[in-house]
Amino acid sequence: MSNPNLIEDRIDLKCLTFDCFCKSIDFLKSGELKNISVGENTTIVILTNFGIMEGIPLKLSNTKDTPSEILINELIPKIFEIRNDEIIRLKEKNENLSLINDTSSILLKDVTIRPYSNPECISHIKYLTLFSDQIVGISFGEF
């Protein structure tokens, strides 16, 4: 899969910060830091403009134990490959093409969404792609 030049030389600070935050939580879960740890069930909490989201960062891997893991591990990379190919095709047709809404995204699994407008109306989604422009803040905990 090739990346279009339009997205090759950029970095999304929110996504980078989110990735570093998740790696720090994984480090705390590992128990390698003496006298400081978090529980194995600790999840990431994302504050957005519309509500609070709790989930587990999705790491694509070669592990394909269940049908849903097989689907996600094959589908997600394919979606981005098709998108990148389409950007390249469109750029070839129009050299002045520029992307808008070009934020990065993060992948989550086992997501719980609590909207601010009705916190009792909780939604559960198995997999979610969240665009980084929706992130207002991040935290962690066991809920």
Protein backbone atom coordinates (compact mmCIF):
# COMPACT_ATOMS: atom_id res chain seq x y z
CA MET A 1 0.00 0.00 0.00
CA SER A 2 1.37 3.38 -0.93
CA ASN A 3 0.51 6.63 0.80
CA PRO A 4 -0.32 9.69 -1.24
CA ASN A 5 2.11 12.60 -0.93
CA LEU A 6 -0.77 14.64 0.47
CA ILE A 7 -0.68 12.57 3.67
CA GLU A 8 2.85 11.16 3.64
CA ASP A 9 4.72 14.05 5.26
CA ARG A 10 2.35 14.96 8.06
CA ILE A 11 1.73 13.90 11.61
CA ASP A 12 -1.40 14.32 13.68
CA LEU A 13 -0.39 15.54 17.14
CA LYS A 14 -3.61 14.30 18.78
CA CYS A 15 -3.11 10.80 17.38
CA LEU A 16 0.56 10.78 18.35
CA THR A 17 -0.34 11.90 21.88
CA PHE A 18 -3.10 9.28 22.05
CA ASP A 19 -0.68 6.54 20.94
CA CYS A 20 1.90 7.61 23.56
CA PHE A 21 -0.82 7.74 26.22
CA CYS A 22 -1.94 4.20 25.34
CA LYS A 23 1.64 2.90 25.41
CA SER A 24 2.08 4.46 28.86
CA ILE A 25 -1.07 2.75 30.14
CA ASP A 26 0.15 -0.57 28.68
CA PHE A 27 3.47 -0.02 30.48
CA LEU A 28 1.61 0.56 33.77
CA LYS A 29 -0.50 -2.58 33.15
CA SER A 30 2.68 -4.62 32.67
CA GLY A 31 3.75 -4.13 36.29
CA GLU A 32 7.32 -3.26 35.26
CA LEU A 33 7.23 -0.03 37.24
CA LYS A 34 7.87 -0.85 40.89
CA ASN A 35 4.99 -0.01 43.27
CA ILE A 36 2.87 1.60 40.56
CA SER A 37 0.42 -0.23 38.33
CA VAL A 38 -3.10 -0.16 37.00
CA GLY A 39 -5.57 -3.02 36.70
CA GLU A 40 -5.64 -5.32 33.71
CA ASN A 41 -9.18 -4.09 32.90
CA THR A 42 -8.10 -0.45 32.64
CA THR A 43 -9.51 1.17 29.53
CA ILE A 44 -8.97 4.44 27.72
CA VAL A 45 -11.56 7.18 28.23
CA ILE A 46 -11.95 9.76 25.48
CA LEU A 47 -13.76 13.02 26.04
CA THR A 48 -15.41 14.36 22.89
CA ASN A 49 -17.74 17.26 22.15
CA PHE A 50 -20.74 14.91 22.17
CA GLY A 51 -19.97 12.54 25.04
CA ILE A 52 -17.61 10.24 26.85
CA MET A 53 -16.23 7.19 25.07
CA GLU A 54 -14.55 4.28 26.78
CA GLY A 55 -12.76 1.54 24.87
CA ILE A 56 -9.67 -0.47 24.15
CA PRO A 57 -7.22 0.73 21.47
CA LEU A 58 -7.34 -1.73 18.60
CA LYS A 59 -4.01 -3.14 17.55
CA LEU A 60 -4.14 -4.88 14.22
CA SER A 61 -2.19 -8.10 14.35
CA ASN A 62 -1.65 -11.42 12.71
CA THR A 63 -3.66 -13.08 15.47
CA LYS A 64 -6.90 -14.20 13.94
CA ASP A 65 -8.58 -16.41 16.51
CA THR A 66 -12.19 -15.42 15.90
CA PRO A 67 -14.19 -14.55 12.78
CA SER A 68 -14.49 -10.92 13.92
CA GLU A 69 -10.69 -10.66 14.40
CA ILE A 70 -10.16 -12.07 10.91
CA LEU A 71 -12.62 -9.54 9.50
CA ILE A 72 -11.15 -6.53 11.31
CA ASN A 73 -7.51 -7.47 10.62
CA GLU A 74 -8.30 -7.75 6.91
CA LEU A 75 -10.91 -4.99 6.55
CA ILE A 76 -9.28 -2.02 8.29
CA PRO A 77 -6.02 -2.07 6.29
CA LYS A 78 -8.03 -2.58 3.09
CA ILE A 79 -10.23 0.46 3.81
CA PHE A 80 -7.16 2.68 4.18
CA GLU A 81 -5.49 1.13 1.14
CA ILE A 82 -8.55 1.85 -1.01
CA ARG A 83 -8.77 5.39 0.40
CA ASN A 84 -5.09 6.07 -0.32
CA ASP A 85 -5.38 4.68 -3.85
CA GLU A 86 -8.40 6.91 -4.43
CA ILE A 87 -6.51 9.98 -3.20
CA ILE A 88 -3.62 9.16 -5.56
CA ARG A 89 -6.07 8.71 -8.46
CA LEU A 90 -7.80 12.02 -7.72
CA LYS A 91 -4.46 13.82 -7.33
CA GLU A 92 -3.35 12.55 -10.74
CA LYS A 93 -6.51 14.05 -12.24
CA ASN A 94 -6.06 17.35 -10.39
CA GLU A 95 -2.59 18.46 -9.29
CA ASN A 96 -4.10 21.29 -7.23
CA LEU A 97 -6.12 18.89 -5.14
CA SER A 98 -5.92 19.52 -1.41
CA LEU A 99 -7.42 17.49 1.37
CA ILE A 100 -9.93 18.89 3.81
CA ASN A 101 -10.99 17.18 7.02
CA ASP A 102 -7.62 15.47 6.91
CA THR A 103 -7.36 14.45 10.54
CA SER A 104 -6.09 11.02 11.43
CA SER A 105 -8.16 8.37 13.12
CA ILE A 106 -7.84 5.94 15.97
CA LEU A 107 -9.28 2.46 16.12
CA LEU A 108 -11.11 1.25 19.21
CA LYS A 109 -12.83 -1.97 20.20
CA ASP A 110 -15.44 -2.74 22.86
CA VAL A 111 -16.55 0.90 22.90
CA THR A 112 -19.08 2.38 25.31
CA ILE A 113 -20.53 5.79 24.45
CA ARG A 114 -22.25 8.00 27.03
CA PRO A 115 -23.70 11.14 25.38
CA TYR A 116 -23.70 14.30 27.47
CA SER A 117 -27.27 15.02 26.37
CA ASN A 118 -28.58 11.75 27.87
CA PRO A 119 -25.96 9.87 29.95
CA GLU A 120 -28.45 7.07 30.68
CA CYS A 121 -28.65 6.27 26.95
CA ILE A 122 -25.45 4.20 26.74
CA SER A 123 -24.45 2.68 23.41
CA HIS A 124 -22.06 -0.23 22.92
CA ILE A 125 -20.13 -0.66 19.68
CA LYS A 126 -17.77 -3.55 19.00
CA TYR A 127 -15.39 -1.58 16.72
CA LEU A 128 -15.13 2.16 16.08
CA THR A 129 -12.95 4.44 14.00
CA LEU A 130 -12.79 7.81 15.77
CA PHE A 131 -11.40 10.81 13.90
CA SER A 132 -8.91 12.72 15.98
CA ASP A 133 -10.62 16.08 15.54
CA GLN A 134 -13.35 14.72 17.85
CA ILE A 135 -10.94 14.24 20.77
CA VAL A 136 -11.11 16.91 23.48
CA GLY A 137 -9.28 14.96 26.19
CA ILE A 138 -8.13 11.49 27.24
CA SER A 139 -8.02 9.63 30.53
CA PHE A 140 -8.07 6.06 31.79
CA GLY A 141 -9.71 3.89 34.41
CA GLU A 142 -11.69 0.79 35.26
CA PHE A 143 -15.42 1.33 35.00
